[in-house]
Structures are given as structure tokens and as C-alpha cells.
């Protein structure tokens, strides 16, 4: 299922990891499947665990602004990553759905 590798900038990676982290935390629990999904993402877009802490420190508005600037191909790639992350625990919680809808709508305005 792995898509063609897309080269993301450092800012794009920070913004992506920020929203992925937000989706993981949206239901109030971190599941093993979500940890595995992040581990796969670390390999896919090349970042380490320290990067997650940096991504948490950026403002959500800044992350959305960065995501809005990405190419349609990169946005599609991110949408797939978020979908995979949300279902990685076997269930897409309503708070995850709501947050993802907000992210998708915000980055495509």
C-alpha cells in the first residue's frame, strides 16, 4: 500500500507530524496500532522521536498554514497518512473523524 515517496520539506514534515500527533491524541488514548503507524511514518518521511517533540511545539494554526501551501500530491499523501493513522487502532473514533475533517477542509481552503 505504500505510495510513491514524496519529498517533504522540514516545515512540511513538522506540520504533518503535528497533525498526525493531534489525530492520535484526539480520542484521549494512544493505542499500540497508532504507535506502530508513527513508527512506519518515521521511516516513510524520515524523522526521529525527537522530531515529534519539536512538532508538538508548533502552533496548530502554523501547521495548517504550512499544509495549505503544499502541492495537491502532497496533500493527498497526507490525507492517506491521516486515514491510516486513524484506523491503525482498529477504530476511527468520532473525535478523530471530526479533527481530520477540520484539517482537510482547512488545508484545502
Protein backbone atom coordinates (compact mmCIF):
# COMPACT_ATOMS: atom_id res chain seq x y z
CA UNK A 1 0.00 0.00 0.00
CA UNK A 2 3.00 2.29 0.27
CA UNK A 3 2.66 5.18 -2.12
CA UNK A 4 5.42 6.68 -4.17
CA UNK A 5 7.83 8.57 -1.93
CA UNK A 6 7.19 12.29 -1.89
CA UNK A 7 9.94 14.65 -0.72
CA UNK A 8 8.63 16.88 2.04
CA UNK A 9 10.41 19.97 3.35
CA UNK A 10 11.38 20.22 7.01
CA UNK A 11 8.48 22.62 7.68
CA UNK A 12 6.04 20.27 5.93
CA UNK A 13 7.29 17.33 7.99
CA UNK A 14 6.85 19.32 11.21
CA UNK A 15 3.30 20.29 10.23
CA UNK A 16 2.45 16.74 9.18
CA UNK A 17 3.79 15.19 12.37
CA UNK A 18 1.91 17.85 14.36
CA UNK A 19 -1.45 16.92 12.81
CA UNK A 20 -0.73 13.17 12.94
CA UNK A 21 0.06 13.55 16.64
CA UNK A 22 -3.17 15.53 17.10
CA UNK A 23 -5.22 12.78 15.45
CA UNK A 24 -3.56 10.15 17.65
CA UNK A 25 -4.37 12.14 20.79
CA UNK A 26 -7.90 13.11 19.68
CA UNK A 27 -9.64 10.17 21.36
CA UNK A 28 -7.69 10.57 24.60
CA UNK A 29 -5.77 7.30 24.25
CA UNK A 30 -2.63 6.21 22.45
CA UNK A 31 -3.04 2.68 21.12
CA UNK A 32 -0.29 0.25 20.06
CA UNK A 33 -1.52 0.41 16.47
CA UNK A 34 -1.06 4.17 16.49
CA UNK A 35 2.47 3.81 17.84
CA UNK A 36 3.20 1.34 15.02
CA UNK A 37 1.72 3.77 12.48
CA UNK A 38 4.01 6.56 13.71
CA UNK A 39 6.99 4.20 13.55
CA UNK A 40 6.16 3.44 9.90
CA UNK A 41 5.70 7.16 9.20
CA UNK A 42 9.10 7.89 10.75
CA UNK A 43 10.66 5.63 8.13
CA UNK A 44 8.43 6.88 5.30
CA UNK A 45 9.16 10.61 5.68
CA UNK A 46 12.47 10.32 7.61
CA UNK A 47 12.19 11.75 11.11
CA UNK A 48 13.03 10.56 14.62
CA UNK A 49 11.31 10.61 18.00
CA UNK A 50 12.90 13.97 18.95
CA UNK A 51 11.16 15.43 15.92
CA UNK A 52 7.77 14.58 17.47
CA UNK A 53 8.55 16.86 20.42
CA UNK A 54 9.51 19.67 18.05
CA UNK A 55 6.30 19.16 16.07
CA UNK A 56 4.21 19.35 19.24
CA UNK A 57 5.68 22.77 19.95
CA UNK A 58 4.40 24.45 16.80
CA UNK A 59 1.01 26.12 16.86
CA UNK A 60 -1.86 24.32 15.11
CA UNK A 61 -2.57 27.45 13.05
CA UNK A 62 1.03 27.48 11.84
CA UNK A 63 0.80 23.78 10.93
CA UNK A 64 -2.39 24.37 8.92
CA UNK A 65 -0.79 27.35 7.16
CA UNK A 66 2.16 25.16 6.11
CA UNK A 67 -0.13 22.34 4.96
CA UNK A 68 -2.19 24.76 2.85
CA UNK A 69 0.97 25.62 0.87
CA UNK A 70 1.69 22.01 -0.06
CA UNK A 71 1.10 20.65 -3.56
CA UNK A 72 -2.09 18.66 -4.23
CA UNK A 73 0.00 15.47 -4.43
CA UNK A 74 1.50 16.09 -1.00
CA UNK A 75 -1.95 16.89 0.43
CA UNK A 76 -3.31 13.63 -0.96
CA UNK A 77 -0.36 11.77 0.55
CA UNK A 78 -1.05 13.40 3.94
CA UNK A 79 -4.74 12.51 3.75
CA UNK A 80 -3.78 8.86 3.26
CA UNK A 81 -1.35 9.04 6.18
CA UNK A 82 -4.00 10.52 8.47
CA UNK A 83 -6.58 7.91 7.41
CA UNK A 84 -4.09 5.11 8.04
CA UNK A 85 -3.18 6.57 11.42
CA UNK A 86 -6.81 6.97 12.48
CA UNK A 87 -7.73 3.37 11.69
CA UNK A 88 -4.46 1.87 12.95
CA UNK A 89 -6.07 1.05 16.30
CA UNK A 90 -8.91 -0.76 14.52
CA UNK A 91 -11.46 2.00 15.01
CA UNK A 92 -11.85 5.58 13.76
CA UNK A 93 -13.23 7.50 16.75
CA UNK A 94 -15.70 10.33 16.12
CA UNK A 95 -13.23 12.88 17.53
CA UNK A 96 -10.61 11.66 15.06
CA UNK A 97 -13.12 11.96 12.19
CA UNK A 98 -14.05 15.50 13.24
CA UNK A 99 -10.44 16.59 13.58
CA UNK A 100 -9.49 15.07 10.22
CA UNK A 101 -12.43 16.79 8.51
CA UNK A 102 -11.28 20.09 10.01
CA UNK A 103 -7.68 19.51 8.88
CA UNK A 104 -8.69 18.51 5.33
CA UNK A 105 -11.07 21.44 4.94
CA UNK A 106 -8.59 23.92 6.41
CA UNK A 107 -5.66 22.87 4.23
CA UNK A 108 -7.79 22.93 1.07
CA UNK A 109 -9.30 26.39 1.54
